[in-house]
Amino acid sequence: MVYGLSAGALLGLYDFWTKKAMNGNSVIPIVFWSSLFGAIAWLPAFLPVSDSLGFYVDWTQTNVHQQALILVKGLAMTFSWVFAYYSVRELPMSFSGAVRASGPLWTFAGGALIFGEYLSPLQFSAVLASILAYYALSLVGKKEGLRILRNWPVLMMLAATVLSAMTTVYDKFLVQTLGLPVYSIQAYSAFHRCALAMLVFLALSWKQRRIMRLRWSVYVPLVGLSWVGAELIYFFAIADPVSNVTYLSIFRRVSLVVGFFLSVLLIGERNVLPKSAIIGLIMISTAVLILQE
């Protein structure tokens, strides 16, 4: 629970920094450069000196089949980032966060089907209350001219959310069912995402006959580094045999609280009072899950 909530708090900073990094930039350059910094952050793990620190990744211990399985995660995350970054650029943070509300539902479905993770009626009610609260938050968006079913950024965030939920379940499969080392999964996945993003970046640059420009800011590396940190914390959680991916998905939704209040303070989010009340309901539903554990 502590790991899940901590990962959620860091993801809130990640969402906010993504919004700031997207200012004046196209999606693909941000995806590439942020993933590059994420890959660079994992380079020390391949050095023998990191063995004494406990996070050494021995590249000779991973075979081609295992690399292919990790590549599936990289593909899903790369597409999820492209969809999510476009949505974050176009939407207020409260709305892009609201669409992520379906994440716990998709994760619950995957956890139930694959791992047999079922919730008690009270626990399921808490999950449902959280999802409905996010949906209510999206309804507030109608006052700001946002039509959910007619808005491509919203649909893209939904696609990103489904892919992210699938990856959440897949991560647990890699760690607990296949027994792949946590650090190896993260390090190789970071390099896979960087390579995939670079291919897309170079292909589009070639099509445009020029390198896609980036408006540099400190938020670009912060996006990649904060994702690496949040993912590392999250993997510590799913490495526990009794961890429940549905709970973790809910706990990580604290990212909306962090991102929302940063948006209120620094970006100028509108309709603060109704959104704050709905977010309060989300926090209560999260507390119910914690107390029922």
C-alpha atoms as a PDB file:
ATOM      1  CA  MET A   1       0.000   0.000   0.000  1.00  0.00           C
ATOM      2  CA  VAL A   2       2.839   2.385   0.864  1.00  0.00           C
ATOM      3  CA  TYR A   3       4.577   1.587  -2.411  1.00  0.00           C
ATOM      4  CA  GLY A   4       1.341   2.030  -4.374  1.00  0.00           C
ATOM      5  CA  LEU A   5       0.549   5.391  -2.792  1.00  0.00           C
ATOM      6  CA  SER A   6       4.152   6.561  -3.188  1.00  0.00           C
ATOM      7  CA  ALA A   7       4.160   5.590  -6.851  1.00  0.00           C
ATOM      8  CA  GLY A   8       0.876   7.471  -7.283  1.00  0.00           C
ATOM      9  CA  ALA A   9       2.299  10.625  -5.711  1.00  0.00           C
ATOM     10  CA  LEU A  10       5.319  10.505  -8.007  1.00  0.00           C
ATOM     11  CA  LEU A  11       3.053   9.858 -10.999  1.00  0.00           C
ATOM     12  CA  GLY A  12       1.168  13.026 -10.073  1.00  0.00           C
ATOM     13  CA  LEU A  13       4.422  14.959 -10.530  1.00  0.00           C
ATOM     14  CA  TYR A  14       5.003  12.998 -13.739  1.00  0.00           C
ATOM     15  CA  ASP A  15       1.591  14.062 -15.104  1.00  0.00           C
ATOM     16  CA  PHE A  16       2.211  17.692 -14.206  1.00  0.00           C
ATOM     17  CA  TRP A  17       5.709  17.719 -15.688  1.00  0.00           C
ATOM     18  CA  THR A  18       4.352  16.070 -18.837  1.00  0.00           C
ATOM     19  CA  LYS A  19       1.796  18.858 -19.179  1.00  0.00           C
ATOM     20  CA  LYS A  20       4.554  21.470 -18.808  1.00  0.00           C
ATOM     21  CA  ALA A  21       6.929  19.663 -21.183  1.00  0.00           C
ATOM     22  CA  MET A  22       4.236  19.490 -23.872  1.00  0.00           C
ATOM     23  CA  ASN A  23       3.966  23.294 -23.937  1.00  0.00           C
ATOM     24  CA  GLY A  24       4.975  24.289 -27.479  1.00  0.00           C
ATOM     25  CA  ASN A  25       6.087  20.761 -28.405  1.00  0.00           C
ATOM     26  CA  SER A  26       4.809  17.919 -30.537  1.00  0.00           C
ATOM     27  CA  VAL A  27       4.098  14.554 -28.956  1.00  0.00           C
ATOM     28  CA  ILE A  28       6.755  12.378 -30.604  1.00  0.00           C
ATOM     29  CA  PRO A  29       9.810  14.485 -29.631  1.00  0.00           C
ATOM     30  CA  ILE A  30       8.689  14.457 -25.982  1.00  0.00           C
ATOM     31  CA  VAL A  31       8.108  10.697 -26.088  1.00  0.00           C
ATOM     32  CA  PHE A  32      11.571  10.147 -27.570  1.00  0.00           C
ATOM     33  CA  TRP A  33      13.592  12.508 -25.406  1.00  0.00           C
ATOM     34  CA  SER A  34      11.869  11.573 -22.143  1.00  0.00           C
ATOM     35  CA  SER A  35      12.337   7.870 -22.892  1.00  0.00           C
ATOM     36  CA  LEU A  36      15.999   8.574 -23.704  1.00  0.00           C
ATOM     37  CA  PHE A  37      16.554  10.107 -20.272  1.00  0.00           C
ATOM     38  CA  GLY A  38      14.716   7.159 -18.722  1.00  0.00           C
ATOM     39  CA  ALA A  39      17.064   4.736 -20.486  1.00  0.00           C
ATOM     40  CA  ILE A  40      20.134   6.740 -19.441  1.00  0.00           C
ATOM     41  CA  ALA A  41      18.971   6.504 -15.816  1.00  0.00           C
ATOM     42  CA  TRP A  42      19.254   2.709 -16.043  1.00  0.00           C
ATOM     43  CA  LEU A  43      22.767   2.640 -17.569  1.00  0.00           C
ATOM     44  CA  PRO A  44      24.536   2.364 -14.169  1.00  0.00           C
ATOM     45  CA  ALA A  45      22.622  -0.861 -13.492  1.00  0.00           C
ATOM     46  CA  PHE A  46      24.760  -2.642 -16.106  1.00  0.00           C
ATOM     47  CA  LEU A  47      28.039  -1.671 -14.421  1.00  0.00           C
ATOM     48  CA  PRO A  48      29.598  -4.218 -12.021  1.00  0.00           C
ATOM     49  CA  VAL A  49      29.864  -1.564  -9.312  1.00  0.00           C
ATOM     50  CA  SER A  50      26.073  -1.555  -9.015  1.00  0.00           C
ATOM     51  CA  ASP A  51      26.198  -5.161  -7.784  1.00  0.00           C
ATOM     52  CA  SER A  52      27.305  -3.945  -4.370  1.00  0.00           C
ATOM     53  CA  LEU A  53      24.333  -1.563  -4.336  1.00  0.00           C
ATOM     54  CA  GLY A  54      21.839  -4.319  -5.064  1.00  0.00           C
ATOM     55  CA  PHE A  55      20.516  -3.345  -8.492  1.00  0.00           C
ATOM     56  CA  TYR A  56      22.994  -4.952 -10.901  1.00  0.00           C
ATOM     57  CA  VAL A  57      21.580  -6.210 -14.213  1.00  0.00           C
ATOM     58  CA  ASP A  58      23.663  -9.006 -15.789  1.00  0.00           C
ATOM     59  CA  TRP A  59      22.929  -8.854 -19.522  1.00  0.00           C
ATOM     60  CA  THR A  60      24.123 -12.448 -19.993  1.00  0.00           C
ATOM     61  CA  GLN A  61      21.326 -13.785 -17.753  1.00  0.00           C
ATOM     62  CA  THR A  62      18.441 -12.825 -20.068  1.00  0.00           C
ATOM     63  CA  ASN A  63      17.729 -14.951 -23.138  1.00  0.00           C
ATOM     64  CA  VAL A  64      16.059 -14.001 -26.419  1.00  0.00           C
ATOM     65  CA  HIS A  65      12.677 -15.371 -25.348  1.00  0.00           C
ATOM     66  CA  GLN A  66      12.696 -13.302 -22.165  1.00  0.00           C
ATOM     67  CA  GLN A  67      13.746 -10.207 -24.098  1.00  0.00           C
ATOM     68  CA  ALA A  68      10.802 -10.762 -26.456  1.00  0.00           C
ATOM     69  CA  LEU A  69       8.412 -10.945 -23.491  1.00  0.00           C
ATOM     70  CA  ILE A  70       9.803  -7.687 -22.090  1.00  0.00           C
ATOM     71  CA  LEU A  71       9.536  -6.118 -25.545  1.00  0.00           C
ATOM     72  CA  VAL A  72       5.761  -6.678 -25.436  1.00  0.00           C
ATOM     73  CA  LYS A  73       5.655  -4.446 -22.359  1.00  0.00           C
ATOM     74  CA  GLY A  74       7.777  -1.835 -24.157  1.00  0.00           C
ATOM     75  CA  LEU A  75       5.468  -1.804 -27.178  1.00  0.00           C
ATOM     76  CA  ALA A  76       2.350  -1.377 -25.033  1.00  0.00           C
ATOM     77  CA  MET A  77       3.915   1.412 -22.975  1.00  0.00           C
ATOM     78  CA  THR A  78       5.230   3.289 -26.026  1.00  0.00           C
ATOM     79  CA  PHE A  79       1.799   3.365 -27.661  1.00  0.00           C
ATOM     80  CA  SER A  80       0.243   4.270 -24.304  1.00  0.00           C
ATOM     81  CA  TRP A  81       2.636   7.224 -23.967  1.00  0.00           C
ATOM     82  CA  VAL A  82       1.904   8.512 -27.462  1.00  0.00           C
ATOM     83  CA  PHE A  83      -1.844   8.471 -26.801  1.00  0.00           C
ATOM     84  CA  ALA A  84      -1.546   9.855 -23.260  1.00  0.00           C
ATOM     85  CA  TYR A  85       0.875  12.666 -24.119  1.00  0.00           C
ATOM     86  CA  TYR A  86      -1.367  13.904 -26.913  1.00  0.00           C
ATOM     87  CA  SER A  87      -4.328  13.880 -24.536  1.00  0.00           C
ATOM     88  CA  VAL A  88      -2.420  15.633 -21.730  1.00  0.00           C
ATOM     89  CA  ARG A  89      -1.317  18.333 -24.163  1.00  0.00           C
ATOM     90  CA  GLU A  90      -4.882  19.044 -25.311  1.00  0.00           C
ATOM     91  CA  LEU A  91      -6.913  18.609 -22.094  1.00  0.00           C
ATOM     92  CA  PRO A  92      -6.968  20.171 -18.614  1.00  0.00           C
ATOM     93  CA  MET A  93      -5.298  17.833 -16.149  1.00  0.00           C
ATOM     94  CA  SER A  94      -8.530  17.127 -14.291  1.00  0.00           C
ATOM     95  CA  PHE A  95     -10.130  15.760 -17.472  1.00  0.00           C
ATOM     96  CA  SER A  96      -7.211  13.647 -18.637  1.00  0.00           C
ATOM     97  CA  GLY A  97      -7.048  12.277 -15.087  1.00  0.00           C
ATOM     98  CA  ALA A  98     -10.795  11.619 -15.115  1.00  0.00           C
ATOM     99  CA  VAL A  99     -10.528   9.384 -18.155  1.00  0.00           C
ATOM    100  CA  ARG A 100      -7.908   7.343 -16.320  1.00  0.00           C
ATOM    101  CA  ALA A 101     -10.775   6.427 -13.963  1.00  0.00           C
ATOM    102  CA  SER A 102     -11.512   3.356 -16.017  1.00  0.00           C
ATOM    103  CA  GLY A 103      -7.992   2.077 -15.279  1.00  0.00           C
ATOM    104  CA  PRO A 104      -8.906   0.245 -12.039  1.00  0.00           C
ATOM    105  CA  LEU A 105     -11.881  -1.357 -13.777  1.00  0.00           C
ATOM    106  CA  TRP A 106      -9.723  -2.739 -16.594  1.00  0.00           C
ATOM    107  CA  THR A 107      -7.087  -3.819 -14.082  1.00  0.00           C
ATOM    108  CA  PHE A 108      -9.726  -5.491 -11.923  1.00  0.00           C
ATOM    109  CA  ALA A 109     -11.001  -7.436 -14.938  1.00  0.00           C
ATOM    110  CA  GLY A 110      -7.498  -8.581 -15.836  1.00  0.00           C
ATOM    111  CA  GLY A 111      -6.579  -9.431 -12.244  1.00  0.00           C
ATOM    112  CA  ALA A 112      -9.783 -11.434 -11.791  1.00  0.00           C
ATOM    113  CA  LEU A 113      -9.380 -13.377 -15.031  1.00  0.00           C
ATOM    114  CA  ILE A 114      -5.650 -14.107 -14.767  1.00  0.00           C
ATOM    115  CA  PHE A 115      -4.795 -14.118 -11.060  1.00  0.00           C
ATOM    116  CA  GLY A 116      -8.193 -14.830  -9.460  1.00  0.00           C
ATOM    117  CA  GLU A 117      -8.148 -11.539  -7.536  1.00  0.00           C
ATOM    118  CA  TYR A 118     -11.697 -10.925  -6.329  1.00  0.00           C
ATOM    119  CA  LEU A 119     -12.942  -8.216  -4.001  1.00  0.00           C
ATOM    120  CA  SER A 120     -15.503  -8.285  -1.217  1.00  0.00           C
ATOM    121  CA  PRO A 121     -18.783  -6.405  -1.823  1.00  0.00           C
ATOM    122  CA  LEU A 122     -17.557  -3.447   0.276  1.00  0.00           C
ATOM    123  CA  GLN A 123     -14.206  -3.381  -1.490  1.00  0.00           C
ATOM    124  CA  PHE A 124     -15.845  -3.562  -4.905  1.00  0.00           C
ATOM    125  CA  SER A 125     -18.180  -0.735  -3.860  1.00  0.00           C
ATOM    126  CA  ALA A 126     -15.126   1.370  -2.991  1.00  0.00           C
ATOM    127  CA  VAL A 127     -13.617   0.649  -6.413  1.00  0.00           C
ATOM    128  CA  LEU A 128     -16.913   1.506  -8.086  1.00  0.00           C
ATOM    129  CA  ALA A 129     -17.258   4.730  -6.055  1.00  0.00           C
ATOM    130  CA  SER A 130     -13.801   5.783  -7.152  1.00  0.00           C
ATOM    131  CA  ILE A 131     -14.610   5.109 -10.798  1.00  0.00           C
ATOM    132  CA  LEU A 132     -17.926   6.959 -10.572  1.00  0.00           C
ATOM    133  CA  ALA A 133     -16.190   9.881  -8.894  1.00  0.00           C
ATOM    134  CA  TYR A 134     -13.778  10.164 -11.795  1.00  0.00           C
ATOM    135  CA  TYR A 135     -16.698  10.012 -14.189  1.00  0.00           C
ATOM    136  CA  ALA A 136     -18.487  12.763 -12.253  1.00  0.00           C
ATOM    137  CA  LEU A 137     -15.339  14.823 -12.565  1.00  0.00           C
ATOM    138  CA  SER A 138     -15.502  14.435 -16.303  1.00  0.00           C
ATOM    139  CA  LEU A 139     -19.125  15.656 -16.261  1.00  0.00           C
ATOM    140  CA  VAL A 140     -17.905  18.918 -14.784  1.00  0.00           C
ATOM    141  CA  GLY A 141     -16.018  19.261 -18.036  1.00  0.00           C
ATOM    142  CA  LYS A 142     -19.253  19.969 -19.871  1.00  0.00           C
ATOM    143  CA  LYS A 143     -19.204  23.400 -18.233  1.00  0.00           C
ATOM    144  CA  GLU A 144     -15.857  23.928 -19.944  1.00  0.00           C
ATOM    145  CA  GLY A 145     -17.067  22.830 -23.374  1.00  0.00           C
ATOM    146  CA  LEU A 146     -15.732  19.273 -23.320  1.00  0.00           C
ATOM    147  CA  ARG A 147     -17.856  16.570 -24.957  1.00  0.00           C
ATOM    148  CA  ILE A 148     -16.519  13.208 -23.899  1.00  0.00           C
ATOM    149  CA  LEU A 149     -17.702  11.005 -26.757  1.00  0.00           C
ATOM    150  CA  ARG A 150     -16.842  13.562 -29.436  1.00  0.00           C
ATOM    151  CA  ASN A 151     -13.372  14.438 -28.261  1.00  0.00           C
ATOM    152  CA  TRP A 152     -10.358  12.676 -29.789  1.00  0.00           C
ATOM    153  CA  PRO A 153      -7.970  13.527 -26.929  1.00  0.00           C
ATOM    154  CA  VAL A 154     -10.413  11.895 -24.504  1.00  0.00           C
ATOM    155  CA  LEU A 155     -10.631   8.759 -26.640  1.00  0.00           C
ATOM    156  CA  MET A 156      -6.852   8.672 -26.904  1.00  0.00           C
ATOM    157  CA  MET A 157      -6.545   8.862 -23.119  1.00  0.00           C
ATOM    158  CA  LEU A 158      -9.022   5.991 -22.866  1.00  0.00           C
ATOM    159  CA  ALA A 159      -6.844   3.938 -25.237  1.00  0.00           C
ATOM    160  CA  ALA A 160      -3.775   4.848 -23.181  1.00  0.00           C
ATOM    161  CA  THR A 161      -5.585   3.831 -19.993  1.00  0.00           C
ATOM    162  CA  VAL A 162      -6.585   0.425 -21.361  1.00  0.00           C
ATOM    163  CA  LEU A 163      -3.020  -0.224 -22.552  1.00  0.00           C
ATOM    164  CA  SER A 164      -1.633   0.870 -19.169  1.00  0.00           C
ATOM    165  CA  ALA A 165      -4.064  -1.414 -17.324  1.00  0.00           C
ATOM    166  CA  MET A 166      -3.072  -4.339 -19.530  1.00  0.00           C
ATOM    167  CA  THR A 167       0.577  -3.581 -18.800  1.00  0.00           C
ATOM    168  CA  THR A 168      -0.119  -3.526 -15.064  1.00  0.00           C
ATOM    169  CA  VAL A 169      -1.449  -7.079 -15.184  1.00  0.00           C
ATOM    170  CA  TYR A 170       1.334  -8.143 -17.557  1.00  0.00           C
ATOM    171  CA  ASP A 171       3.971  -6.779 -15.160  1.00  0.00           C
ATOM    172  CA  LYS A 172       2.719  -9.057 -12.407  1.00  0.00           C
ATOM    173  CA  PHE A 173       2.763 -11.972 -14.848  1.00  0.00           C
ATOM    174  CA  LEU A 174       6.421 -11.262 -15.713  1.00  0.00           C
ATOM    175  CA  VAL A 175       7.470 -10.927 -12.067  1.00  0.00           C
ATOM    176  CA  GLN A 176       5.424 -13.555 -10.239  1.00  0.00           C
ATOM    177  CA  THR A 177       4.547 -16.162 -12.876  1.00  0.00           C
ATOM    178  CA  LEU A 178       7.708 -16.130 -14.987  1.00  0.00           C
ATOM    179  CA  GLY A 179      10.027 -15.035 -12.167  1.00  0.00           C
ATOM    180  CA  LEU A 180      11.943 -12.456 -14.205  1.00  0.00           C
ATOM    181  CA  PRO A 181      14.136 -10.132 -12.098  1.00  0.00           C
ATOM    182  CA  VAL A 182      12.502  -6.789 -11.342  1.00  0.00           C
ATOM    183  CA  TYR A 183      15.528  -4.697 -12.276  1.00  0.00           C
ATOM    184  CA  SER A 184      16.070  -6.585 -15.534  1.00  0.00           C
ATOM    185  CA  ILE A 185      12.457  -6.017 -16.613  1.00  0.00           C
ATOM    186  CA  GLN A 186      12.651  -2.306 -15.933  1.00  0.00           C
ATOM    187  CA  ALA A 187      16.104  -1.714 -17.397  1.00  0.00           C
ATOM    188  CA  TYR A 188      15.488  -3.616 -20.620  1.00  0.00           C
ATOM    189  CA  SER A 189      11.999  -2.182 -20.968  1.00  0.00           C
ATOM    190  CA  ALA A 190      13.435   1.344 -20.664  1.00  0.00           C
ATOM    191  CA  PHE A 191      15.871   0.635 -23.500  1.00  0.00           C
ATOM    192  CA  HIS A 192      13.175  -1.017 -25.597  1.00  0.00           C
ATOM    193  CA  ARG A 193      10.905   2.024 -25.206  1.00  0.00           C
ATOM    194  CA  CYS A 194      13.768   4.350 -26.104  1.00  0.00           C
ATOM    195  CA  ALA A 195      14.597   2.321 -29.240  1.00  0.00           C
ATOM    196  CA  LEU A 196      10.945   2.172 -30.326  1.00  0.00           C
ATOM    197  CA  ALA A 197      10.450   5.908 -29.725  1.00  0.00           C
ATOM    198  CA  MET A 198      13.658   6.649 -31.643  1.00  0.00           C
ATOM    199  CA  LEU A 199      12.443   4.646 -34.649  1.00  0.00           C
ATOM    200  CA  VAL A 200       9.183   6.592 -34.730  1.00  0.00           C
ATOM    201  CA  PHE A 201      11.038   9.885 -34.182  1.00  0.00           C
ATOM    202  CA  LEU A 202      13.494   9.223 -37.035  1.00  0.00           C
ATOM    203  CA  ALA A 203      10.774   7.939 -39.372  1.00  0.00           C
ATOM    204  CA  LEU A 204       8.655  11.070 -38.914  1.00  0.00           C
ATOM    205  CA  SER A 205      11.733  13.304 -39.178  1.00  0.00           C
ATOM    206  CA  TRP A 206      12.651  11.603 -42.471  1.00  0.00           C
ATOM    207  CA  LYS A 207       9.089  12.039 -43.724  1.00  0.00           C
ATOM    208  CA  GLN A 208       9.214  15.759 -42.890  1.00  0.00           C
ATOM    209  CA  ARG A 209      12.764  15.972 -44.321  1.00  0.00           C
ATOM    210  CA  ARG A 210      13.998  17.600 -41.122  1.00  0.00           C
ATOM    211  CA  ILE A 211      14.700  16.647 -37.519  1.00  0.00           C
ATOM    212  CA  MET A 212      11.621  17.216 -35.400  1.00  0.00           C
ATOM    213  CA  ARG A 213      12.333  20.169 -33.159  1.00  0.00           C
ATOM    214  CA  LEU A 214      12.147  20.197 -29.393  1.00  0.00           C
ATOM    215  CA  ARG A 215      11.484  23.219 -27.232  1.00  0.00           C
ATOM    216  CA  TRP A 216      13.833  22.381 -24.393  1.00  0.00           C
ATOM    217  CA  SER A 217      12.886  22.722 -20.729  1.00  0.00           C
ATOM    218  CA  VAL A 218      13.912  21.027 -17.513  1.00  0.00           C
ATOM    219  CA  TYR A 219      10.551  19.241 -17.551  1.00  0.00           C
ATOM    220  CA  VAL A 220      11.662  16.998 -20.448  1.00  0.00           C
ATOM    221  CA  PRO A 221      14.210  14.958 -18.444  1.00  0.00           C
ATOM    222  CA  LEU A 222      11.968  15.157 -15.364  1.00  0.00           C
ATOM    223  CA  VAL A 223       9.240  13.321 -17.291  1.00  0.00           C
ATOM    224  CA  GLY A 224      11.521  10.387 -18.071  1.00  0.00           C
ATOM    225  CA  LEU A 225      13.186  10.264 -14.658  1.00  0.00           C
ATOM    226  CA  SER A 226       9.948  10.501 -12.680  1.00  0.00           C
ATOM    227  CA  TRP A 227       8.470   7.621 -14.678  1.00  0.00           C
ATOM    228  CA  VAL A 228      11.521   5.479 -13.925  1.00  0.00           C
ATOM    229  CA  GLY A 229      11.182   6.285 -10.221  1.00  0.00           C
ATOM    230  CA  ALA A 230       7.441   5.587 -10.090  1.00  0.00           C
ATOM    231  CA  GLU A 231       7.840   2.326 -11.993  1.00  0.00           C
ATOM    232  CA  LEU A 232      10.636   1.191  -9.683  1.00  0.00           C
ATOM    233  CA  ILE A 233       8.487   1.815  -6.600  1.00  0.00           C
ATOM    234  CA  TYR A 234       5.533   0.079  -8.232  1.00  0.00           C
ATOM    235  CA  PHE A 235       7.590  -3.015  -9.061  1.00  0.00           C
ATOM    236  CA  PHE A 236       8.623  -3.308  -5.430  1.00  0.00           C
ATOM    237  CA  ALA A 237       4.903  -3.621  -4.706  1.00  0.00           C
ATOM    238  CA  ILE A 238       4.018  -6.248  -7.320  1.00  0.00           C
ATOM    239  CA  ALA A 239       7.053  -8.333  -6.349  1.00  0.00           C
ATOM    240  CA  ASP A 240       5.155  -9.148  -3.125  1.00  0.00           C
ATOM    241  CA  PRO A 241       3.269 -12.456  -3.730  1.00  0.00           C
ATOM    242  CA  VAL A 242       0.181 -11.158  -1.894  1.00  0.00           C
ATOM    243  CA  SER A 243      -0.025  -7.884  -3.814  1.00  0.00           C
ATOM    244  CA  ASN A 244      -3.328  -7.152  -5.530  1.00  0.00           C
ATOM    245  CA  VAL A 245      -3.057  -5.279  -8.839  1.00  0.00           C
ATOM    246  CA  THR A 246      -6.548  -3.817  -8.455  1.00  0.00           C
ATOM    247  CA  TYR A 247      -5.609  -2.215  -5.117  1.00  0.00           C
ATOM    248  CA  LEU A 248      -2.359  -0.941  -6.576  1.00  0.00           C
ATOM    249  CA  SER A 249      -4.207   0.578  -9.499  1.00  0.00           C
ATOM    250  CA  ILE A 250      -6.511   2.441  -7.106  1.00  0.00           C
ATOM    251  CA  PHE A 251      -3.653   3.583  -4.872  1.00  0.00           C
ATOM    252  CA  ARG A 252      -1.773   4.950  -7.876  1.00  0.00           C
ATOM    253  CA  ARG A 253      -4.780   7.126  -8.673  1.00  0.00           C
ATOM    254  CA  VAL A 254      -3.546   9.477  -5.949  1.00  0.00           C
ATOM    255  CA  SER A 255      -1.615  10.874  -8.921  1.00  0.00           C
ATOM    256  CA  LEU A 256      -4.793  12.759  -9.885  1.00  0.00           C
ATOM    257  CA  VAL A 257      -4.862  14.508  -6.502  1.00  0.00           C
ATOM    258  CA  VAL A 258      -1.239  15.625  -6.814  1.00  0.00           C
ATOM    259  CA  GLY A 259      -1.582  16.654 -10.453  1.00  0.00           C
ATOM    260  CA  PHE A 260      -4.859  18.455  -9.876  1.00  0.00           C
ATOM    261  CA  PHE A 261      -3.631  20.627  -7.035  1.00  0.00           C
ATOM    262  CA  LEU A 262      -0.435  21.472  -8.902  1.00  0.00           C
ATOM    263  CA  SER A 263      -2.617  22.441 -11.844  1.00  0.00           C
ATOM    264  CA  VAL A 264      -4.782  24.629  -9.597  1.00  0.00           C
ATOM    265  CA  LEU A 265      -1.777  26.382  -8.083  1.00  0.00           C
ATOM    266  CA  LEU A 266       0.424  26.742 -11.159  1.00  0.00           C
ATOM    267  CA  ILE A 267      -1.686  26.409 -14.314  1.00  0.00           C
ATOM    268  CA  GLY A 268      -5.057  27.887 -13.360  1.00  0.00           C
ATOM    269  CA  GLU A 269      -7.508  24.975 -13.291  1.00  0.00           C
ATOM    270  CA  ARG A 270     -11.163  26.084 -13.409  1.00  0.00           C
ATOM    271  CA  ASN A 271     -14.224  24.877 -11.419  1.00  0.00           C
ATOM    272  CA  VAL A 272     -12.004  24.082  -8.456  1.00  0.00           C
ATOM    273  CA  LEU A 273     -14.691  23.569  -5.782  1.00  0.00           C
ATOM    274  CA  PRO A 274     -16.792  20.853  -7.498  1.00  0.00           C
ATOM    275  CA  LYS A 275     -13.646  19.106  -8.686  1.00  0.00           C
ATOM    276  CA  SER A 276     -12.195  19.211  -5.173  1.00  0.00           C
ATOM    277  CA  ALA A 277     -15.361  17.631  -3.714  1.00  0.00           C
ATOM    278  CA  ILE A 278     -15.206  14.800  -6.236  1.00  0.00           C
ATOM    279  CA  ILE A 279     -11.512  14.221  -5.577  1.00  0.00           C
ATOM    280  CA  GLY A 280     -12.363  14.076  -1.863  1.00  0.00           C
ATOM    281  CA  LEU A 281     -14.707  11.178  -2.646  1.00  0.00           C
ATOM    282  CA  ILE A 282     -11.875   9.449  -4.470  1.00  0.00           C
ATOM    283  CA  MET A 283      -9.669   9.788  -1.413  1.00  0.00           C
ATOM    284  CA  ILE A 284     -12.409   8.365   0.837  1.00  0.00           C
ATOM    285  CA  SER A 285     -12.875   5.337  -1.421  1.00  0.00           C
ATOM    286  CA  THR A 286      -9.110   4.770  -1.351  1.00  0.00           C
ATOM    287  CA  ALA A 287      -9.166   4.946   2.454  1.00  0.00           C
ATOM    288  CA  VAL A 288     -11.915   2.291   2.544  1.00  0.00           C
ATOM    289  CA  LEU A 289      -9.755  -0.050   0.496  1.00  0.00           C
ATOM    290  CA  ILE A 290      -6.818   0.507   2.839  1.00  0.00           C
ATOM    291  CA  LEU A 291      -8.874  -0.089   6.007  1.00  0.00           C
ATOM    292  CA  GLN A 292     -10.482  -3.236   4.541  1.00  0.00           C
ATOM    293  CA  GLU A 293      -7.130  -4.770   3.620  1.00  0.00           C
END
